[in-house]
């Protein structure tokens, strides 16, 4: 197994409750092995011609590259934002034990 087959996905949420709901949902559906919630993020961003500022919760989601489409659909379905953040970063290395755990907890999608 190669670390390069896994990704970290960044998603910001407007509340800890929403971040928890999305994180739990994607792990329960086995689209991700883990979702880390980082509260206390302050975001400054352009929206509809204005510069906005808002408190947010960053969710770091660990998933196989092959599950990204399903994961993105689920995040968009469950998210309250019109345009939710969904940024994908490659994992280039990791401990063999952690990578094995990722693999074990994110089986391939069932093709029915």
PDB file of N, CA and C in Angstrom:
ATOM      1  N   UNK A   1       0.845  -1.176   0.000  1.00  0.00           N
ATOM      2  CA  UNK A   1       0.000   0.000   0.000  1.00  0.00           C
ATOM      3  C   UNK A   1       0.888   1.236   0.000  1.00  0.00           C
ATOM      4  N   UNK A   2       0.472   2.219  -0.779  1.00  0.00           N
ATOM      5  CA  UNK A   2       1.241   3.446  -0.930  1.00  0.00           C
ATOM      6  C   UNK A   2       0.492   4.622  -0.308  1.00  0.00           C
ATOM      7  N   UNK A   3       1.224   5.484   0.366  1.00  0.00           N
ATOM      8  CA  UNK A   3       0.618   6.689   0.936  1.00  0.00           C
ATOM      9  C   UNK A   3      -0.004   7.545  -0.154  1.00  0.00           C
ATOM     10  N   UNK A   4       0.527   7.455  -1.343  1.00  0.00           N
ATOM     11  CA  UNK A   4       0.067   8.313  -2.442  1.00  0.00           C
ATOM     12  C   UNK A   4      -1.356   8.008  -2.904  1.00  0.00           C
ATOM     13  N   UNK A   5      -1.941   6.920  -2.431  1.00  0.00           N
ATOM     14  CA  UNK A   5      -3.331   6.626  -2.801  1.00  0.00           C
ATOM     15  C   UNK A   5      -4.336   7.283  -1.851  1.00  0.00           C
ATOM     16  N   UNK A   6      -3.839   8.028  -0.863  1.00  0.00           N
ATOM     17  CA  UNK A   6      -4.709   8.679   0.125  1.00  0.00           C
ATOM     18  C   UNK A   6      -4.624  10.189   0.016  1.00  0.00           C
ATOM     19  N   UNK A   7      -5.672  10.837   0.514  1.00  0.00           N
ATOM     20  CA  UNK A   7      -5.762  12.297   0.452  1.00  0.00           C
ATOM     21  C   UNK A   7      -6.235  12.854   1.787  1.00  0.00           C
ATOM     22  N   UNK A   8      -5.915  14.118   2.018  1.00  0.00           N
ATOM     23  CA  UNK A   8      -6.502  14.898   3.101  1.00  0.00           C
ATOM     24  C   UNK A   8      -7.383  15.942   2.439  1.00  0.00           C
ATOM     25  N   UNK A   9      -8.628  15.996   2.864  1.00  0.00           N
ATOM     26  CA  UNK A   9      -9.582  16.948   2.308  1.00  0.00           C
ATOM     27  C   UNK A   9      -9.873  18.006   3.364  1.00  0.00           C
ATOM     28  N   UNK A  10      -9.814  19.270   2.958  1.00  0.00           N
ATOM     29  CA  UNK A  10     -10.118  20.393   3.841  1.00  0.00           C
ATOM     30  C   UNK A  10     -11.540  20.864   3.566  1.00  0.00           C
ATOM     31  N   UNK A  11     -12.322  20.955   4.628  1.00  0.00           N
ATOM     32  CA  UNK A  11     -13.697  21.451   4.547  1.00  0.00           C
ATOM     33  C   UNK A  11     -13.887  22.408   5.717  1.00  0.00           C
ATOM     34  N   UNK A  12     -14.394  23.607   5.457  1.00  0.00           N
ATOM     35  CA  UNK A  12     -14.714  24.512   6.557  1.00  0.00           C
ATOM     36  C   UNK A  12     -16.223  24.530   6.765  1.00  0.00           C
ATOM     37  N   UNK A  13     -16.612  24.651   8.031  1.00  0.00           N
ATOM     38  CA  UNK A  13     -18.028  24.672   8.412  1.00  0.00           C
ATOM     39  C   UNK A  13     -18.300  25.893   9.278  1.00  0.00           C
ATOM     40  N   UNK A  14     -19.541  26.336   9.271  1.00  0.00           N
ATOM     41  CA  UNK A  14     -19.928  27.519  10.023  1.00  0.00           C
ATOM     42  C   UNK A  14     -20.160  27.288  11.502  1.00  0.00           C
ATOM     43  N   UNK A  15     -20.208  26.021  11.918  1.00  0.00           N
ATOM     44  CA  UNK A  15     -20.420  25.730  13.336  1.00  0.00           C
ATOM     45  C   UNK A  15     -19.796  24.388  13.695  1.00  0.00           C
ATOM     46  N   UNK A  16     -19.538  24.214  14.977  1.00  0.00           N
ATOM     47  CA  UNK A  16     -18.996  22.935  15.450  1.00  0.00           C
ATOM     48  C   UNK A  16     -20.028  21.822  15.257  1.00  0.00           C
ATOM     49  N   UNK A  17     -21.300  22.146  15.411  1.00  0.00           N
ATOM     50  CA  UNK A  17     -22.343  21.134  15.227  1.00  0.00           C
ATOM     51  C   UNK A  17     -22.357  20.620  13.790  1.00  0.00           C
ATOM     52  N   UNK A  18     -22.259  21.528  12.835  1.00  0.00           N
ATOM     53  CA  UNK A  18     -22.239  21.113  11.427  1.00  0.00           C
ATOM     54  C   UNK A  18     -20.978  20.302  11.131  1.00  0.00           C
ATOM     55  N   UNK A  19     -19.832  20.729  11.629  1.00  0.00           N
ATOM     56  CA  UNK A  19     -18.579  20.011  11.412  1.00  0.00           C
ATOM     57  C   UNK A  19     -18.666  18.600  11.996  1.00  0.00           C
ATOM     58  N   UNK A  20     -19.219  18.477  13.190  1.00  0.00           N
ATOM     59  CA  UNK A  20     -19.376  17.157  13.815  1.00  0.00           C
ATOM     60  C   UNK A  20     -20.306  16.265  12.997  1.00  0.00           C
ATOM     61  N   UNK A  21     -21.400  16.843  12.550  1.00  0.00           N
ATOM     62  CA  UNK A  21     -22.381  16.065  11.780  1.00  0.00           C
ATOM     63  C   UNK A  21     -21.760  15.559  10.481  1.00  0.00           C
ATOM     64  N   UNK A  22     -21.083  16.426   9.760  1.00  0.00           N
ATOM     65  CA  UNK A  22     -20.458  16.025   8.500  1.00  0.00           C
ATOM     66  C   UNK A  22     -19.335  15.022   8.754  1.00  0.00           C
ATOM     67  N   UNK A  23     -18.481  15.289   9.741  1.00  0.00           N
ATOM     68  CA  UNK A  23     -17.382  14.376  10.053  1.00  0.00           C
ATOM     69  C   UNK A  23     -17.879  12.998  10.427  1.00  0.00           C
ATOM     70  N   UNK A  24     -18.863  12.954  11.304  1.00  0.00           N
ATOM     71  CA  UNK A  24     -19.407  11.663  11.734  1.00  0.00           C
ATOM     72  C   UNK A  24     -20.057  10.927  10.566  1.00  0.00           C
ATOM     73  N   UNK A  25     -20.793  11.659   9.754  1.00  0.00           N
ATOM     74  CA  UNK A  25     -21.500  11.069   8.628  1.00  0.00           C
ATOM     75  C   UNK A  25     -20.534  10.410   7.637  1.00  0.00           C
ATOM     76  N   UNK A  26     -19.463  11.102   7.262  1.00  0.00           N
ATOM     77  CA  UNK A  26     -18.546  10.539   6.267  1.00  0.00           C
ATOM     78  C   UNK A  26     -17.759   9.357   6.834  1.00  0.00           C
ATOM     79  N   UNK A  27     -17.497   9.360   8.142  1.00  0.00           N
ATOM     80  CA  UNK A  27     -16.815   8.215   8.759  1.00  0.00           C
ATOM     81  C   UNK A  27     -17.782   7.037   8.879  1.00  0.00           C
ATOM     82  N   UNK A  28     -19.012   7.298   9.298  1.00  0.00           N
ATOM     83  CA  UNK A  28     -19.999   6.210   9.398  1.00  0.00           C
ATOM     84  C   UNK A  28     -20.255   5.554   8.046  1.00  0.00           C
ATOM     85  N   UNK A  29     -20.259   6.350   6.987  1.00  0.00           N
ATOM     86  CA  UNK A  29     -20.483   5.814   5.638  1.00  0.00           C
ATOM     87  C   UNK A  29     -19.208   5.221   5.049  1.00  0.00           C
ATOM     88  N   UNK A  30     -18.134   5.265   5.799  1.00  0.00           N
ATOM     89  CA  UNK A  30     -16.825   4.724   5.422  1.00  0.00           C
ATOM     90  C   UNK A  30     -16.249   5.386   4.175  1.00  0.00           C
ATOM     91  N   UNK A  31     -16.646   6.645   3.955  1.00  0.00           N
ATOM     92  CA  UNK A  31     -16.044   7.454   2.900  1.00  0.00           C
ATOM     93  C   UNK A  31     -14.720   8.033   3.373  1.00  0.00           C
ATOM     94  N   UNK A  32     -14.522   8.009   4.674  1.00  0.00           N
ATOM     95  CA  UNK A  32     -13.291   8.507   5.297  1.00  0.00           C
ATOM     96  C   UNK A  32     -13.006   7.665   6.528  1.00  0.00           C
ATOM     97  N   UNK A  33     -11.737   7.566   6.867  1.00  0.00           N
ATOM     98  CA  UNK A  33     -11.355   6.833   8.071  1.00  0.00           C
ATOM     99  C   UNK A  33     -11.363   7.742   9.285  1.00  0.00           C
ATOM    100  N   UNK A  34     -11.204   9.040   9.055  1.00  0.00           N
ATOM    101  CA  UNK A  34     -11.048   9.978  10.162  1.00  0.00           C
ATOM    102  C   UNK A  34     -11.422  11.378   9.711  1.00  0.00           C
ATOM    103  N   UNK A  35     -12.008  12.139  10.622  1.00  0.00           N
ATOM    104  CA  UNK A  35     -12.277  13.561  10.398  1.00  0.00           C
ATOM    105  C   UNK A  35     -11.842  14.299  11.657  1.00  0.00           C
ATOM    106  N   UNK A  36     -10.831  15.145  11.525  1.00  0.00           N
ATOM    107  CA  UNK A  36     -10.365  15.959  12.649  1.00  0.00           C
ATOM    108  C   UNK A  36     -11.024  17.329  12.579  1.00  0.00           C
ATOM    109  N   UNK A  37     -11.571  17.791  13.703  1.00  0.00           N
ATOM    110  CA  UNK A  37     -12.211  19.092  13.768  1.00  0.00           C
ATOM    111  C   UNK A  37     -11.279  20.077  14.456  1.00  0.00           C
ATOM    112  N   UNK A  38     -11.058  21.203  13.796  1.00  0.00           N
ATOM    113  CA  UNK A  38     -10.180  22.251  14.322  1.00  0.00           C
ATOM    114  C   UNK A  38     -11.024  23.506  14.518  1.00  0.00           C
ATOM    115  N   UNK A  39     -11.576  23.696  15.725  1.00  0.00           N
ATOM    116  CA  UNK A  39     -12.385  24.898  15.969  1.00  0.00           C
ATOM    117  C   UNK A  39     -11.495  26.127  16.119  1.00  0.00           C
ATOM    118  N   UNK A  40     -12.121  27.277  16.075  1.00  0.00           N
ATOM    119  CA  UNK A  40     -11.387  28.519  16.319  1.00  0.00           C
ATOM    120  C   UNK A  40     -10.699  29.099  15.096  1.00  0.00           C
ATOM    121  N   UNK A  41     -11.073  28.627  13.901  1.00  0.00           N
ATOM    122  CA  UNK A  41     -10.502  29.170  12.672  1.00  0.00           C
ATOM    123  C   UNK A  41     -11.242  30.469  12.345  1.00  0.00           C
ATOM    124  N   UNK A  42     -10.507  31.488  11.976  1.00  0.00           N
ATOM    125  CA  UNK A  42     -11.125  32.728  11.504  1.00  0.00           C
ATOM    126  C   UNK A  42     -10.827  32.839  10.019  1.00  0.00           C
ATOM    127  N   UNK A  43     -11.865  32.932   9.213  1.00  0.00           N
ATOM    128  CA  UNK A  43     -11.697  33.000   7.767  1.00  0.00           C
ATOM    129  C   UNK A  43     -12.003  34.400   7.264  1.00  0.00           C
ATOM    130  N   UNK A  44     -11.170  34.876   6.366  1.00  0.00           N
ATOM    131  CA  UNK A  44     -11.382  36.137   5.653  1.00  0.00           C
ATOM    132  C   UNK A  44     -11.454  35.755   4.188  1.00  0.00           C
ATOM    133  N   UNK A  45     -12.554  36.111   3.534  1.00  0.00           N
ATOM    134  CA  UNK A  45     -12.790  35.613   2.186  1.00  0.00           C
ATOM    135  C   UNK A  45     -13.631  36.599   1.380  1.00  0.00           C
ATOM    136  N   UNK A  46     -13.520  36.490   0.060  1.00  0.00           N
ATOM    137  CA  UNK A  46     -14.340  37.296  -0.841  1.00  0.00           C
ATOM    138  C   UNK A  46     -15.641  36.566  -1.100  1.00  0.00           C
ATOM    139  N   UNK A  47     -16.774  37.288  -0.986  1.00  0.00           N
ATOM    140  CA  UNK A  47     -18.080  36.686  -1.244  1.00  0.00           C
ATOM    141  C   UNK A  47     -19.024  37.748  -1.764  1.00  0.00           C
ATOM    142  N   UNK A  48     -19.502  37.541  -2.986  1.00  0.00           N
ATOM    143  CA  UNK A  48     -20.467  38.433  -3.628  1.00  0.00           C
ATOM    144  C   UNK A  48     -20.000  39.888  -3.608  1.00  0.00           C
ATOM    145  N   UNK A  49     -18.737  40.086  -3.985  1.00  0.00           N
ATOM    146  CA  UNK A  49     -18.185  41.429  -4.135  1.00  0.00           C
ATOM    147  C   UNK A  49     -17.717  42.101  -2.866  1.00  0.00           C
ATOM    148  N   UNK A  50     -17.774  41.400  -1.738  1.00  0.00           N
ATOM    149  CA  UNK A  50     -17.352  41.974  -0.466  1.00  0.00           C
ATOM    150  C   UNK A  50     -16.299  41.091   0.180  1.00  0.00           C
ATOM    151  N   UNK A  51     -15.510  41.708   1.048  1.00  0.00           N
ATOM    152  CA  UNK A  51     -14.584  40.939   1.871  1.00  0.00           C
ATOM    153  C   UNK A  51     -15.298  40.650   3.186  1.00  0.00           C
ATOM    154  N   UNK A  52     -15.431  39.378   3.504  1.00  0.00           N
ATOM    155  CA  UNK A  52     -16.157  38.939   4.687  1.00  0.00           C
ATOM    156  C   UNK A  52     -15.193  38.320   5.695  1.00  0.00           C
ATOM    157  N   UNK A  53     -15.639  38.231   6.925  1.00  0.00           N
ATOM    158  CA  UNK A  53     -14.879  37.563   7.985  1.00  0.00           C
ATOM    159  C   UNK A  53     -15.866  36.750   8.805  1.00  0.00           C
ATOM    160  N   UNK A  54     -15.462  35.506   9.132  1.00  0.00           N
ATOM    161  CA  UNK A  54     -16.374  34.649   9.884  1.00  0.00           C
ATOM    162  C   UNK A  54     -15.587  33.613  10.682  1.00  0.00           C
ATOM    163  N   UNK A  55     -16.109  33.249  11.863  1.00  0.00           N
ATOM    164  CA  UNK A  55     -15.522  32.117  12.586  1.00  0.00           C
ATOM    165  C   UNK A  55     -15.957  30.829  11.898  1.00  0.00           C
ATOM    166  N   UNK A  56     -15.045  29.884  11.803  1.00  0.00           N
ATOM    167  CA  UNK A  56     -15.371  28.608  11.175  1.00  0.00           C
ATOM    168  C   UNK A  56     -14.671  27.475  11.922  1.00  0.00           C
ATOM    169  N   UNK A  57     -15.046  26.266  11.552  1.00  0.00           N
ATOM    170  CA  UNK A  57     -14.407  25.052  12.051  1.00  0.00           C
ATOM    171  C   UNK A  57     -13.826  24.348  10.836  1.00  0.00           C
ATOM    172  N   UNK A  58     -12.537  24.050  10.889  1.00  0.00           N
ATOM    173  CA  UNK A  58     -11.877  23.335   9.803  1.00  0.00           C
ATOM    174  C   UNK A  58     -11.985  21.839  10.062  1.00  0.00           C
ATOM    175  N   UNK A  59     -12.398  21.094   9.043  1.00  0.00           N
ATOM    176  CA  UNK A  59     -12.468  19.638   9.137  1.00  0.00           C
ATOM    177  C   UNK A  59     -11.408  19.070   8.203  1.00  0.00           C
ATOM    178  N   UNK A  60     -10.528  18.233   8.759  1.00  0.00           N
ATOM    179  CA  UNK A  60      -9.498  17.540   7.984  1.00  0.00           C
ATOM    180  C   UNK A  60      -9.956  16.100   7.828  1.00  0.00           C
ATOM    181  N   UNK A  61     -10.210  15.693   6.603  1.00  0.00           N
ATOM    182  CA  UNK A  61     -10.781  14.370   6.333  1.00  0.00           C
ATOM    183  C   UNK A  61      -9.744  13.513   5.610  1.00  0.00           C
ATOM    184  N   UNK A  62      -9.499  12.297   6.137  1.00  0.00           N
ATOM    185  CA  UNK A  62      -8.558  11.368   5.506  1.00  0.00           C
ATOM    186  C   UNK A  62      -9.341  10.320   4.735  1.00  0.00           C
ATOM    187  N   UNK A  63      -9.009  10.183   3.432  1.00  0.00           N
ATOM    188  CA  UNK A  63      -9.780   9.318   2.549  1.00  0.00           C
ATOM    189  C   UNK A  63      -8.913   8.779   1.420  1.00  0.00           C
ATOM    190  N   UNK A  64      -9.314   7.667   0.818  1.00  0.00           N
ATOM    191  CA  UNK A  64      -8.607   7.201  -0.384  1.00  0.00           C
ATOM    192  C   UNK A  64      -8.958   8.092  -1.579  1.00  0.00           C
ATOM    193  N   UNK A  65      -8.022   8.269  -2.471  1.00  0.00           N
ATOM    194  CA  UNK A  65      -8.270   9.065  -3.679  1.00  0.00           C
ATOM    195  C   UNK A  65      -9.470   8.526  -4.453  1.00  0.00           C
ATOM    196  N   UNK A  66      -9.654   7.220  -4.446  1.00  0.00           N
ATOM    197  CA  UNK A  66     -10.751   6.609  -5.198  1.00  0.00           C
ATOM    198  C   UNK A  66     -12.129   6.939  -4.633  1.00  0.00           C
ATOM    199  N   UNK A  67     -12.200   7.465  -3.412  1.00  0.00           N
ATOM    200  CA  UNK A  67     -13.503   7.773  -2.794  1.00  0.00           C
ATOM    201  C   UNK A  67     -13.813   9.277  -2.839  1.00  0.00           C
ATOM    202  N   UNK A  68     -12.968  10.080  -3.498  1.00  0.00           N
ATOM    203  CA  UNK A  68     -13.138  11.532  -3.488  1.00  0.00           C
ATOM    204  C   UNK A  68     -14.467  11.997  -4.069  1.00  0.00           C
ATOM    205  N   UNK A  69     -14.893  11.425  -5.177  1.00  0.00           N
ATOM    206  CA  UNK A  69     -16.160  11.856  -5.791  1.00  0.00           C
ATOM    207  C   UNK A  69     -17.337  11.638  -4.847  1.00  0.00           C
ATOM    208  N   UNK A  70     -17.388  10.440  -4.267  1.00  0.00           N
ATOM    209  CA  UNK A  70     -18.474  10.129  -3.333  1.00  0.00           C
ATOM    210  C   UNK A  70     -18.417  11.056  -2.118  1.00  0.00           C
ATOM    211  N   UNK A  71     -17.217  11.275  -1.618  1.00  0.00           N
ATOM    212  CA  UNK A  71     -17.035  12.140  -0.453  1.00  0.00           C
ATOM    213  C   UNK A  71     -17.500  13.560  -0.762  1.00  0.00           C
ATOM    214  N   UNK A  72     -17.101  14.075  -1.910  1.00  0.00           N
ATOM    215  CA  UNK A  72     -17.511  15.436  -2.274  1.00  0.00           C
ATOM    216  C   UNK A  72     -19.022  15.546  -2.398  1.00  0.00           C
ATOM    217  N   UNK A  73     -19.652  14.568  -3.025  1.00  0.00           N
ATOM    218  CA  UNK A  73     -21.125  14.589  -3.131  1.00  0.00           C
ATOM    219  C   UNK A  73     -21.766  14.613  -1.749  1.00  0.00           C
ATOM    220  N   UNK A  74     -21.238  13.808  -0.831  1.00  0.00           N
ATOM    221  CA  UNK A  74     -21.813  13.731   0.516  1.00  0.00           C
ATOM    222  C   UNK A  74     -21.600  15.041   1.273  1.00  0.00           C
ATOM    223  N   UNK A  75     -20.419  15.624   1.167  1.00  0.00           N
ATOM    224  CA  UNK A  75     -20.148  16.902   1.846  1.00  0.00           C
ATOM    225  C   UNK A  75     -21.090  17.973   1.300  1.00  0.00           C
ATOM    226  N   UNK A  76     -21.218  18.071  -0.007  1.00  0.00           N
ATOM    227  CA  UNK A  76     -22.101  19.083  -0.611  1.00  0.00           C
ATOM    228  C   UNK A  76     -23.553  18.866  -0.188  1.00  0.00           C
ATOM    229  N   UNK A  77     -23.979  17.609  -0.128  1.00  0.00           N
ATOM    230  CA  UNK A  77     -25.358  17.303   0.257  1.00  0.00           C
ATOM    231  C   UNK A  77     -25.644  17.755   1.687  1.00  0.00           C
ATOM    232  N   UNK A  78     -24.685  17.551   2.563  1.00  0.00           N
ATOM    233  CA  UNK A  78     -24.892  17.792   3.993  1.00  0.00           C
ATOM    234  C   UNK A  78     -24.525  19.195   4.449  1.00  0.00           C
ATOM    235  N   UNK A  79     -23.857  19.963   3.606  1.00  0.00           N
ATOM    236  CA  UNK A  79     -23.298  21.255   4.018  1.00  0.00           C
ATOM    237  C   UNK A  79     -24.307  22.383   3.867  1.00  0.00           C
ATOM    238  N   UNK A  80     -24.219  23.382   4.740  1.00  0.00           N
ATOM    239  CA  UNK A  80     -25.143  24.522   4.693  1.00  0.00           C
ATOM    240  C   UNK A  80     -24.687  25.628   3.740  1.00  0.00           C
ATOM    241  N   UNK A  81     -23.431  25.641   3.336  1.00  0.00           N
ATOM    242  CA  UNK A  81     -22.921  26.716   2.472  1.00  0.00           C
ATOM    243  C   UNK A  81     -23.365  26.503   1.027  1.00  0.00           C
ATOM    244  N   UNK A  82     -23.543  27.609   0.301  1.00  0.00           N
ATOM    245  CA  UNK A  82     -23.822  27.541  -1.138  1.00  0.00           C
ATOM    246  C   UNK A  82     -22.642  26.920  -1.881  1.00  0.00           C
ATOM    247  N   UNK A  83     -21.432  27.290  -1.461  1.00  0.00           N
ATOM    248  CA  UNK A  83     -20.200  26.794  -2.086  1.00  0.00           C
ATOM    249  C   UNK A  83     -19.271  26.302  -0.977  1.00  0.00           C
ATOM    250  N   UNK A  84     -19.456  25.059  -0.525  1.00  0.00           N
ATOM    251  CA  UNK A  84     -18.590  24.565   0.553  1.00  0.00           C
ATOM    252  C   UNK A  84     -17.154  24.349   0.057  1.00  0.00           C
ATOM    253  N   UNK A  85     -16.221  24.627   0.952  1.00  0.00           N
ATOM    254  CA  UNK A  85     -14.821  24.342   0.637  1.00  0.00           C
ATOM    255  C   UNK A  85     -14.649  22.835   0.530  1.00  0.00           C
ATOM    256  N   UNK A  86     -13.926  22.418  -0.511  1.00  0.00           N
ATOM    257  CA  UNK A  86     -13.550  21.009  -0.682  1.00  0.00           C
ATOM    258  C   UNK A  86     -12.209  21.030  -1.400  1.00  0.00           C
ATOM    259  N   UNK A  87     -11.138  21.093  -0.620  1.00  0.00           N
ATOM    260  CA  UNK A  87      -9.781  21.185  -1.142  1.00  0.00           C
ATOM    261  C   UNK A  87      -9.074  19.870  -0.835  1.00  0.00           C
ATOM    262  N   UNK A  88      -8.424  19.306  -1.843  1.00  0.00           N
ATOM    263  CA  UNK A  88      -7.789  17.992  -1.715  1.00  0.00           C
ATOM    264  C   UNK A  88      -6.268  18.140  -1.736  1.00  0.00           C
ATOM    265  N   UNK A  89      -5.627  17.557  -0.727  1.00  0.00           N
ATOM    266  CA  UNK A  89      -4.165  17.561  -0.641  1.00  0.00           C
ATOM    267  C   UNK A  89      -3.659  16.125  -0.699  1.00  0.00           C
ATOM    268  N   UNK A  90      -2.561  15.893  -1.424  1.00  0.00           N
ATOM    269  CA  UNK A  90      -2.017  14.539  -1.465  1.00  0.00           C
ATOM    270  C   UNK A  90      -1.299  14.195  -0.169  1.00  0.00           C
ATOM    271  N   UNK A  91      -1.311  12.929   0.161  1.00  0.00           N
ATOM    272  CA  UNK A  91      -0.468  12.409   1.243  1.00  0.00           C
ATOM    273  C   UNK A  91       0.698  11.734   0.537  1.00  0.00           C
ATOM    274  N   UNK A  92       1.896  12.188   0.799  1.00  0.00           N
ATOM    275  CA  UNK A  92       3.042  11.630   0.086  1.00  0.00           C
ATOM    276  C   UNK A  92       3.796  10.582   0.896  1.00  0.00           C
ATOM    277  N   UNK A  93       3.580  10.563   2.200  1.00  0.00           N
ATOM    278  CA  UNK A  93       4.228   9.569   3.048  1.00  0.00           C
ATOM    279  C   UNK A  93       3.429   9.446   4.336  1.00  0.00           C
ATOM    280  N   UNK A  94       3.600   8.297   5.005  1.00  0.00           N
ATOM    281  CA  UNK A  94       2.938   8.072   6.276  1.00  0.00           C
ATOM    282  C   UNK A  94       3.419   6.772   6.878  1.00  0.00           C
ATOM    283  N   UNK A  95       3.149   6.589   8.146  1.00  0.00           N
ATOM    284  CA  UNK A  95       3.594   5.350   8.793  1.00  0.00           C
ATOM    285  C   UNK A  95       2.804   4.175   8.222  1.00  0.00           C
ATOM    286  N   UNK A  96       3.475   3.048   8.009  1.00  0.00           N
ATOM    287  CA  UNK A  96       2.778   1.875   7.465  1.00  0.00           C
ATOM    288  C   UNK A  96       1.565   1.456   8.304  1.00  0.00           C
ATOM    289  N   UNK A  97       1.669   1.543   9.626  1.00  0.00           N
ATOM    290  CA  UNK A  97       0.540   1.159  10.478  1.00  0.00           C
ATOM    291  C   UNK A  97      -0.655   2.083  10.273  1.00  0.00           C
ATOM    292  N   UNK A  98      -0.410   3.381  10.174  1.00  0.00           N
ATOM    293  CA  UNK A  98      -1.495   4.336   9.964  1.00  0.00           C
ATOM    294  C   UNK A  98      -2.127   4.130   8.590  1.00  0.00           C
ATOM    295  N   UNK A  99      -1.306   3.909   7.580  1.00  0.00           N
ATOM    296  CA  UNK A  99      -1.833   3.685   6.233  1.00  0.00           C
ATOM    297  C   UNK A  99      -2.662   2.406   6.171  1.00  0.00           C
ATOM    298  N   UNK A 100      -2.226   1.374   6.876  1.00  0.00           N
ATOM    299  CA  UNK A 100      -3.001   0.131   6.939  1.00  0.00           C
ATOM    300  C   UNK A 100      -4.350   0.386   7.609  1.00  0.00           C
ATOM    301  N   UNK A 101      -4.357   1.200   8.657  1.00  0.00           N
ATOM    302  CA  UNK A 101      -5.599   1.547   9.341  1.00  0.00           C
ATOM    303  C   UNK A 101      -6.531   2.325   8.401  1.00  0.00           C
ATOM    304  N   UNK A 102      -5.970   3.268   7.636  1.00  0.00           N
ATOM    305  CA  UNK A 102      -6.773   4.005   6.652  1.00  0.00           C
ATOM    306  C   UNK A 102      -7.417   3.046   5.659  1.00  0.00           C
ATOM    307  N   UNK A 103      -6.627   2.131   5.154  1.00  0.00           N
ATOM    308  CA  UNK A 103      -7.130   1.172   4.175  1.00  0.00           C
ATOM    309  C   UNK A 103      -8.235   0.301   4.769  1.00  0.00           C
ATOM    310  N   UNK A 104      -8.022  -0.173   5.968  1.00  0.00           N
ATOM    311  CA  UNK A 104      -8.990  -1.045   6.635  1.00  0.00           C
ATOM    312  C   UNK A 104     -10.333  -0.352   6.855  1.00  0.00           C
ATOM    313  N   UNK A 105     -10.302   0.940   7.106  1.00  0.00           N
ATOM    314  CA  UNK A 105     -11.521   1.673   7.469  1.00  0.00           C
ATOM    315  C   UNK A 105     -12.183   2.423   6.327  1.00  0.00           C
ATOM    316  N   UNK A 106     -11.654   2.264   5.124  1.00  0.00           N
ATOM    317  CA  UNK A 106     -12.258   2.886   3.943  1.00  0.00           C
ATOM    318  C   UNK A 106     -12.258   1.881   2.789  1.00  0.00           C
ATOM    319  N   UNK A 107     -13.076   0.841   2.899  1.00  0.00           N
ATOM    320  CA  UNK A 107     -13.089  -0.171   1.838  1.00  0.00           C
ATOM    321  C   UNK A 107     -13.604   0.417   0.528  1.00  0.00           C
ATOM    322  N   UNK A 108     -13.273  -0.237  -0.580  1.00  0.00           N
ATOM    323  CA  UNK A 108     -13.791   0.239  -1.863  1.00  0.00           C
ATOM    324  C   UNK A 108     -15.317   0.276  -1.864  1.00  0.00           C
ATOM    325  N   UNK A 109     -15.859   1.162  -2.662  1.00  0.00           N
ATOM    326  CA  UNK A 109     -17.321   1.276  -2.778  1.00  0.00           C
ATOM    327  C   UNK A 109     -17.893  -0.012  -3.338  1.00  0.00           C
ATOM    328  N   UNK A 110     -19.065  -0.386  -2.855  1.00  0.00           N
ATOM    329  CA  UNK A 110     -19.770  -1.549  -3.394  1.00  0.00           C
ATOM    330  C   UNK A 110     -20.344  -1.201  -4.743  1.00  0.00           C
ATOM    331  N   UNK A 111     -20.046  -2.009  -5.721  1.00  0.00           N
ATOM    332  CA  UNK A 111     -20.603  -1.811  -7.076  1.00  0.00           C
ATOM    333  C   UNK A 111     -21.806  -2.716  -7.221  1.00  0.00           C
ATOM    334  N   UNK A 112     -22.994  -2.125  -6.986  1.00  0.00           N
ATOM    335  CA  UNK A 112     -24.220  -2.942  -7.074  1.00  0.00           C
ATOM    336  C   UNK A 112     -24.870  -2.756  -8.417  1.00  0.00           C
TER     337      UNK A 112
END
